[in-house]
Each structure stands twice: as structure tokens, then as C-alpha cells.
N, C-alpha and C. Protein backbone atom coordinates (compact mmCIF):
# COMPACT_ATOMS: atom_id res chain seq x y z
N MET A 1 28.51 -16.93 2.23
CA MET A 1 28.59 -15.51 1.96
C MET A 1 27.32 -14.83 2.44
N GLY A 2 27.47 -13.69 3.07
CA GLY A 2 26.33 -12.94 3.57
C GLY A 2 25.65 -12.14 2.47
N LYS A 3 24.74 -11.27 2.89
CA LYS A 3 24.02 -10.43 1.93
C LYS A 3 23.57 -9.15 2.61
N PHE A 4 23.30 -8.16 1.81
CA PHE A 4 22.70 -6.92 2.27
C PHE A 4 21.22 -7.00 1.92
N ALA A 5 20.37 -6.79 2.91
CA ALA A 5 18.92 -6.85 2.69
C ALA A 5 18.33 -5.46 2.94
N ILE A 6 17.82 -4.85 1.87
CA ILE A 6 17.21 -3.52 1.96
C ILE A 6 15.75 -3.68 2.34
N LYS A 7 15.31 -2.82 3.27
CA LYS A 7 13.95 -2.94 3.79
C LYS A 7 13.32 -1.56 3.91
N LYS A 8 12.10 -1.43 3.42
CA LYS A 8 11.35 -0.19 3.57
C LYS A 8 10.77 -0.16 4.99
N VAL A 9 10.86 1.00 5.61
CA VAL A 9 10.28 1.22 6.94
C VAL A 9 9.43 2.48 6.85
N PRO A 10 8.54 2.72 7.82
CA PRO A 10 7.65 3.89 7.72
C PRO A 10 8.36 5.23 7.52
N THR A 11 9.59 5.35 8.01
CA THR A 11 10.29 6.64 7.92
C THR A 11 11.32 6.69 6.80
N GLY A 12 11.43 5.63 5.98
CA GLY A 12 12.39 5.61 4.88
C GLY A 12 12.80 4.21 4.49
N VAL A 13 14.11 4.02 4.38
CA VAL A 13 14.65 2.72 3.96
C VAL A 13 15.95 2.46 4.73
N LYS A 14 16.17 1.19 5.07
CA LYS A 14 17.39 0.81 5.78
C LYS A 14 17.87 -0.52 5.24
N PHE A 15 19.05 -0.96 5.69
CA PHE A 15 19.53 -2.28 5.28
C PHE A 15 20.07 -3.03 6.49
N ASN A 16 20.02 -4.33 6.37
CA ASN A 16 20.65 -5.23 7.33
C ASN A 16 21.77 -5.96 6.60
N LEU A 17 22.87 -6.18 7.29
CA LEU A 17 23.91 -7.08 6.80
C LEU A 17 23.62 -8.42 7.45
N VAL A 18 23.35 -9.43 6.63
CA VAL A 18 22.91 -10.73 7.11
C VAL A 18 23.97 -11.78 6.80
N ALA A 19 24.35 -12.56 7.81
CA ALA A 19 25.33 -13.63 7.63
C ALA A 19 24.71 -14.79 6.85
N SER A 20 25.55 -15.69 6.38
CA SER A 20 25.06 -16.83 5.60
C SER A 20 24.13 -17.73 6.40
N ASN A 21 24.21 -17.68 7.74
CA ASN A 21 23.32 -18.51 8.57
C ASN A 21 21.98 -17.81 8.84
N GLY A 22 21.78 -16.61 8.25
CA GLY A 22 20.53 -15.89 8.40
C GLY A 22 20.50 -14.90 9.56
N GLU A 23 21.54 -14.88 10.38
CA GLU A 23 21.60 -13.96 11.51
C GLU A 23 21.93 -12.54 11.04
N ILE A 24 21.26 -11.56 11.60
CA ILE A 24 21.55 -10.17 11.29
C ILE A 24 22.81 -9.77 12.06
N ILE A 25 23.81 -9.30 11.32
CA ILE A 25 25.07 -8.88 11.92
C ILE A 25 24.97 -7.43 12.36
N GLY A 26 24.35 -6.61 11.53
CA GLY A 26 24.21 -5.19 11.84
C GLY A 26 23.08 -4.57 11.07
N THR A 27 22.57 -3.47 11.60
CA THR A 27 21.46 -2.74 11.00
C THR A 27 21.89 -1.30 10.75
N SER A 28 21.51 -0.79 9.60
CA SER A 28 21.90 0.58 9.23
C SER A 28 20.99 1.61 9.88
N GLU A 29 21.38 2.87 9.69
CA GLU A 29 20.50 3.98 10.01
C GLU A 29 19.35 3.97 9.00
N VAL A 30 18.36 4.79 9.22
CA VAL A 30 17.27 4.92 8.25
C VAL A 30 17.63 6.04 7.27
N TYR A 31 17.56 5.71 5.99
CA TYR A 31 17.87 6.66 4.92
C TYR A 31 16.57 7.18 4.31
N THR A 32 16.66 8.35 3.69
CA THR A 32 15.47 8.95 3.10
C THR A 32 15.19 8.44 1.69
N SER A 33 16.20 7.79 1.05
CA SER A 33 16.00 7.31 -0.32
C SER A 33 16.73 5.99 -0.54
N ASP A 34 16.30 5.27 -1.57
CA ASP A 34 16.98 4.03 -1.94
C ASP A 34 18.43 4.30 -2.34
N ALA A 35 18.65 5.41 -3.06
CA ALA A 35 20.00 5.75 -3.52
C ALA A 35 20.93 5.98 -2.33
N ALA A 36 20.46 6.69 -1.32
CA ALA A 36 21.29 6.95 -0.13
C ALA A 36 21.58 5.64 0.62
N CYS A 37 20.59 4.76 0.68
CA CYS A 37 20.76 3.46 1.33
C CYS A 37 21.84 2.64 0.60
N LYS A 38 21.76 2.63 -0.71
CA LYS A 38 22.74 1.88 -1.50
C LYS A 38 24.14 2.48 -1.36
N LYS A 39 24.19 3.79 -1.19
CA LYS A 39 25.49 4.45 -0.95
C LYS A 39 26.06 4.00 0.40
N GLY A 40 25.19 3.83 1.40
CA GLY A 40 25.61 3.31 2.70
C GLY A 40 26.18 1.90 2.58
N ILE A 41 25.54 1.06 1.78
CA ILE A 41 26.03 -0.30 1.55
C ILE A 41 27.42 -0.25 0.92
N GLU A 42 27.59 0.61 -0.07
CA GLU A 42 28.90 0.74 -0.72
C GLU A 42 29.97 1.20 0.26
N SER A 43 29.59 2.06 1.18
CA SER A 43 30.53 2.53 2.19
C SER A 43 30.96 1.38 3.10
N VAL A 44 30.04 0.52 3.49
CA VAL A 44 30.40 -0.65 4.29
C VAL A 44 31.34 -1.55 3.50
N LYS A 45 31.00 -1.80 2.24
CA LYS A 45 31.84 -2.66 1.39
C LYS A 45 33.26 -2.13 1.27
N ASN A 46 33.39 -0.82 1.07
CA ASN A 46 34.69 -0.21 0.83
C ASN A 46 35.50 0.05 2.10
N CYS A 47 34.82 0.40 3.17
CA CYS A 47 35.53 0.87 4.37
C CYS A 47 35.70 -0.17 5.48
N ALA A 48 34.76 -1.09 5.62
CA ALA A 48 34.86 -2.06 6.73
C ALA A 48 36.16 -2.86 6.71
N PRO A 49 36.62 -3.33 5.54
CA PRO A 49 37.84 -4.14 5.54
C PRO A 49 39.09 -3.37 5.99
N VAL A 50 39.09 -2.06 5.92
CA VAL A 50 40.27 -1.27 6.30
C VAL A 50 40.06 -0.49 7.59
N ALA A 51 38.91 -0.65 8.22
CA ALA A 51 38.59 0.12 9.43
C ALA A 51 39.36 -0.40 10.64
N SER A 52 39.68 0.50 11.53
CA SER A 52 40.32 0.13 12.79
C SER A 52 39.23 -0.12 13.83
N VAL A 53 39.64 -0.63 14.99
CA VAL A 53 38.71 -0.91 16.09
C VAL A 53 39.10 -0.04 17.28
N GLU A 54 38.12 0.68 17.79
CA GLU A 54 38.31 1.53 18.97
C GLU A 54 37.49 0.92 20.11
N ASP A 55 38.16 0.38 21.11
CA ASP A 55 37.48 -0.26 22.24
C ASP A 55 37.25 0.77 23.34
N GLN A 56 36.06 1.31 23.38
CA GLN A 56 35.72 2.36 24.33
C GLN A 56 35.37 1.80 25.71
N THR A 57 35.46 0.48 25.87
CA THR A 57 35.16 -0.13 27.17
C THR A 57 36.39 -0.21 28.07
N VAL A 58 37.55 0.13 27.54
CA VAL A 58 38.77 0.11 28.34
C VAL A 58 39.15 1.54 28.73
N GLU A 59 39.74 1.67 29.88
CA GLU A 59 40.16 2.98 30.36
C GLU A 59 41.29 3.53 29.49
N ASN A 60 41.25 4.81 29.24
CA ASN A 60 42.28 5.50 28.45
C ASN A 60 42.48 4.89 27.06
N TYR A 61 41.37 4.49 26.42
CA TYR A 61 41.46 3.91 25.08
C TYR A 61 42.03 4.93 24.11
N GLU A 62 42.66 4.42 23.07
CA GLU A 62 43.24 5.29 22.05
C GLU A 62 42.21 5.55 20.96
N ALA A 63 41.89 6.81 20.74
CA ALA A 63 40.93 7.18 19.70
C ALA A 63 41.53 6.86 18.33
N GLN A 64 40.69 6.28 17.47
CA GLN A 64 41.11 5.90 16.12
C GLN A 64 40.48 6.85 15.10
N LYS A 65 41.06 6.91 13.94
CA LYS A 65 40.51 7.73 12.85
C LYS A 65 39.40 6.95 12.14
N HIS A 66 38.54 7.70 11.47
CA HIS A 66 37.47 7.08 10.67
C HIS A 66 38.05 6.57 9.37
N PRO A 67 37.56 5.51 8.80
CA PRO A 67 36.45 4.67 9.28
C PRO A 67 36.91 3.81 10.45
N LYS A 68 35.95 3.48 11.31
CA LYS A 68 36.29 2.67 12.47
C LYS A 68 35.07 1.96 13.04
N PHE A 69 35.36 0.89 13.76
CA PHE A 69 34.37 0.20 14.58
C PHE A 69 34.57 0.69 16.00
N GLU A 70 33.50 1.03 16.69
CA GLU A 70 33.58 1.41 18.09
C GLU A 70 32.88 0.34 18.92
N ILE A 71 33.60 -0.21 19.87
CA ILE A 71 33.02 -1.14 20.84
C ILE A 71 32.67 -0.32 22.07
N TYR A 72 31.44 -0.47 22.55
CA TYR A 72 31.01 0.28 23.73
C TYR A 72 30.03 -0.56 24.55
N SER A 73 29.75 -0.12 25.77
CA SER A 73 28.75 -0.77 26.63
C SER A 73 27.50 0.09 26.63
N ASP A 74 26.35 -0.57 26.43
CA ASP A 74 25.10 0.19 26.47
C ASP A 74 24.61 0.34 27.91
N LYS A 75 23.48 0.99 28.10
CA LYS A 75 22.96 1.26 29.45
C LYS A 75 22.67 -0.01 30.23
N ALA A 76 22.37 -1.11 29.53
CA ALA A 76 22.08 -2.38 30.19
C ALA A 76 23.35 -3.19 30.48
N GLY A 77 24.50 -2.66 30.05
CA GLY A 77 25.76 -3.35 30.30
C GLY A 77 26.16 -4.33 29.20
N ALA A 78 25.40 -4.36 28.10
CA ALA A 78 25.74 -5.24 26.98
C ALA A 78 26.81 -4.57 26.12
N PHE A 79 27.60 -5.39 25.45
CA PHE A 79 28.61 -4.88 24.51
C PHE A 79 27.96 -4.73 23.14
N ARG A 80 28.25 -3.62 22.49
CA ARG A 80 27.75 -3.35 21.15
C ARG A 80 28.87 -2.75 20.32
N PHE A 81 28.68 -2.81 19.00
CA PHE A 81 29.59 -2.08 18.13
C PHE A 81 28.78 -1.22 17.17
N ARG A 82 29.41 -0.15 16.74
CA ARG A 82 28.86 0.69 15.67
C ARG A 82 30.00 0.92 14.69
N PHE A 83 29.63 0.96 13.43
CA PHE A 83 30.62 1.20 12.38
C PHE A 83 30.41 2.61 11.86
N LYS A 84 31.49 3.40 11.88
CA LYS A 84 31.43 4.78 11.41
C LYS A 84 32.22 4.92 10.11
N ALA A 85 31.63 5.63 9.17
CA ALA A 85 32.25 5.85 7.86
C ALA A 85 33.36 6.89 7.95
N LYS A 86 33.97 7.15 6.82
CA LYS A 86 35.06 8.14 6.75
C LYS A 86 34.63 9.52 7.25
N ASN A 87 33.34 9.85 7.08
CA ASN A 87 32.83 11.16 7.50
C ASN A 87 32.37 11.17 8.95
N GLY A 88 32.51 10.05 9.66
CA GLY A 88 32.14 9.98 11.06
C GLY A 88 30.69 9.60 11.32
N GLU A 89 29.91 9.42 10.26
CA GLU A 89 28.51 9.03 10.42
C GLU A 89 28.40 7.54 10.75
N ILE A 90 27.48 7.21 11.64
CA ILE A 90 27.23 5.80 11.97
C ILE A 90 26.46 5.17 10.81
N ILE A 91 27.02 4.08 10.27
CA ILE A 91 26.38 3.40 9.15
C ILE A 91 25.70 2.11 9.62
N LEU A 92 26.33 1.42 10.55
CA LEU A 92 25.87 0.10 10.95
C LEU A 92 25.99 -0.04 12.46
N SER A 93 24.97 -0.62 13.10
CA SER A 93 25.00 -0.86 14.54
C SER A 93 24.63 -2.31 14.81
N SER A 94 25.18 -2.83 15.90
CA SER A 94 24.95 -4.24 16.24
C SER A 94 23.88 -4.40 17.31
N GLU A 95 23.54 -5.66 17.54
CA GLU A 95 22.72 -6.03 18.67
C GLU A 95 23.60 -5.97 19.92
N GLY A 96 23.02 -6.21 21.09
CA GLY A 96 23.79 -6.28 22.32
C GLY A 96 24.33 -7.68 22.54
N TYR A 97 25.58 -7.76 22.97
CA TYR A 97 26.23 -9.03 23.27
C TYR A 97 26.57 -9.09 24.75
N THR A 98 26.46 -10.26 25.36
CA THR A 98 26.80 -10.40 26.77
C THR A 98 28.31 -10.46 26.99
N ALA A 99 29.06 -10.90 25.97
CA ALA A 99 30.52 -11.01 26.09
C ALA A 99 31.20 -10.14 25.04
N LYS A 100 32.29 -9.50 25.44
CA LYS A 100 33.03 -8.65 24.50
C LYS A 100 33.59 -9.48 23.35
N THR A 101 33.98 -10.72 23.61
CA THR A 101 34.49 -11.60 22.55
C THR A 101 33.44 -11.78 21.46
N SER A 102 32.20 -11.96 21.84
CA SER A 102 31.12 -12.11 20.86
C SER A 102 30.94 -10.83 20.05
N CYS A 103 31.09 -9.69 20.69
CA CYS A 103 31.00 -8.41 19.99
C CYS A 103 32.13 -8.30 18.96
N LYS A 104 33.35 -8.69 19.35
CA LYS A 104 34.48 -8.66 18.43
C LYS A 104 34.26 -9.63 17.27
N ASN A 105 33.64 -10.79 17.55
CA ASN A 105 33.31 -11.74 16.49
C ASN A 105 32.31 -11.13 15.52
N GLY A 106 31.39 -10.31 16.03
CA GLY A 106 30.44 -9.60 15.17
C GLY A 106 31.15 -8.65 14.21
N ILE A 107 32.16 -7.94 14.71
CA ILE A 107 32.95 -7.05 13.86
C ILE A 107 33.67 -7.86 12.79
N ASP A 108 34.27 -8.99 13.19
CA ASP A 108 34.94 -9.86 12.22
C ASP A 108 33.97 -10.33 11.14
N SER A 109 32.73 -10.60 11.55
CA SER A 109 31.73 -11.06 10.60
C SER A 109 31.34 -9.95 9.63
N VAL A 110 31.27 -8.71 10.11
CA VAL A 110 31.00 -7.58 9.19
C VAL A 110 32.10 -7.52 8.14
N ILE A 111 33.35 -7.58 8.60
CA ILE A 111 34.48 -7.49 7.68
C ILE A 111 34.44 -8.64 6.67
N LYS A 112 34.16 -9.84 7.14
CA LYS A 112 34.11 -11.02 6.28
C LYS A 112 32.98 -10.94 5.25
N ASN A 113 31.84 -10.41 5.67
CA ASN A 113 30.66 -10.40 4.79
C ASN A 113 30.47 -9.10 4.03
N ALA A 114 31.31 -8.09 4.29
CA ALA A 114 31.14 -6.78 3.65
C ALA A 114 31.34 -6.83 2.14
N ASP A 115 32.10 -7.80 1.67
CA ASP A 115 32.35 -7.86 0.22
C ASP A 115 31.24 -8.59 -0.54
N SER A 116 30.14 -8.87 0.12
CA SER A 116 29.03 -9.56 -0.53
C SER A 116 28.52 -8.75 -1.72
N THR A 117 28.28 -9.44 -2.81
CA THR A 117 27.71 -8.80 -3.99
C THR A 117 26.19 -8.92 -4.01
N VAL A 118 25.64 -9.67 -3.05
CA VAL A 118 24.20 -9.90 -3.02
C VAL A 118 23.52 -8.75 -2.27
N VAL A 119 22.61 -8.07 -2.97
CA VAL A 119 21.81 -7.01 -2.38
C VAL A 119 20.36 -7.34 -2.70
N GLU A 120 19.58 -7.66 -1.68
CA GLU A 120 18.16 -7.98 -1.87
C GLU A 120 17.32 -6.77 -1.52
N GLU A 121 16.34 -6.51 -2.39
CA GLU A 121 15.45 -5.38 -2.14
C GLU A 121 14.05 -5.87 -1.84
């Protein structure tokens, strides 16, 4: 089972969703308060399991409603995903992957680990 790890940064507070093997699956935006950060964690827990996937790397992709995972290519050509909440705000972003399959596996890992009850501060 994964965990949510809250971390203070110079501009506020953010969280990482960490898999059981210690790998960071995704990193949140920076929040201005601990309460807002914890609300972001709750949004991942509640919305990730029911979110759709929008693959923006294919031509004429079908836009999905929020909450959703968006797969896209960054400027370096790597595949990444971002998770958007019901309000359309980006809550979680991934690292760059060389293969789209690995990016999709990252999304599966978010869904699998989103129900974690472990929150480390």
C-alpha cells in the first residue's frame, strides 16, 4: 500500500503519492496551507478511482469530463499525466515516461494507491 507524504517547501506545502516500493507516483501543486493540502489528498482519494482517461497524444481525442487523467507529451517528447479534480484544477502531476504504456501504468498506480490511509507529515 502506498502513502501520501506531505512536505513543506519554501512557497507552501505539497504532497507526493508514494508507491509501496518508495517510488513517487505523482506530485501535487503547492498549497498555501496544510488544510488545503489535505483537501487535495482527499480529492485524489475520492476522485481518482472514478476518473476517466483523456489521451491527448492521439489525433482527434475525445475530451472527457472532470475528474480525469490527461496523458500528454511534454516538450522533450516524454509522456506525462496530470490528474484534474472535479473543478478542473490540476492536483497531481507525474514524472516523464519514455513509453506511453509506462505512463498508463503510473495512472493505474495512482488509482491503486489513492485509497491509502497513510498520510505522513
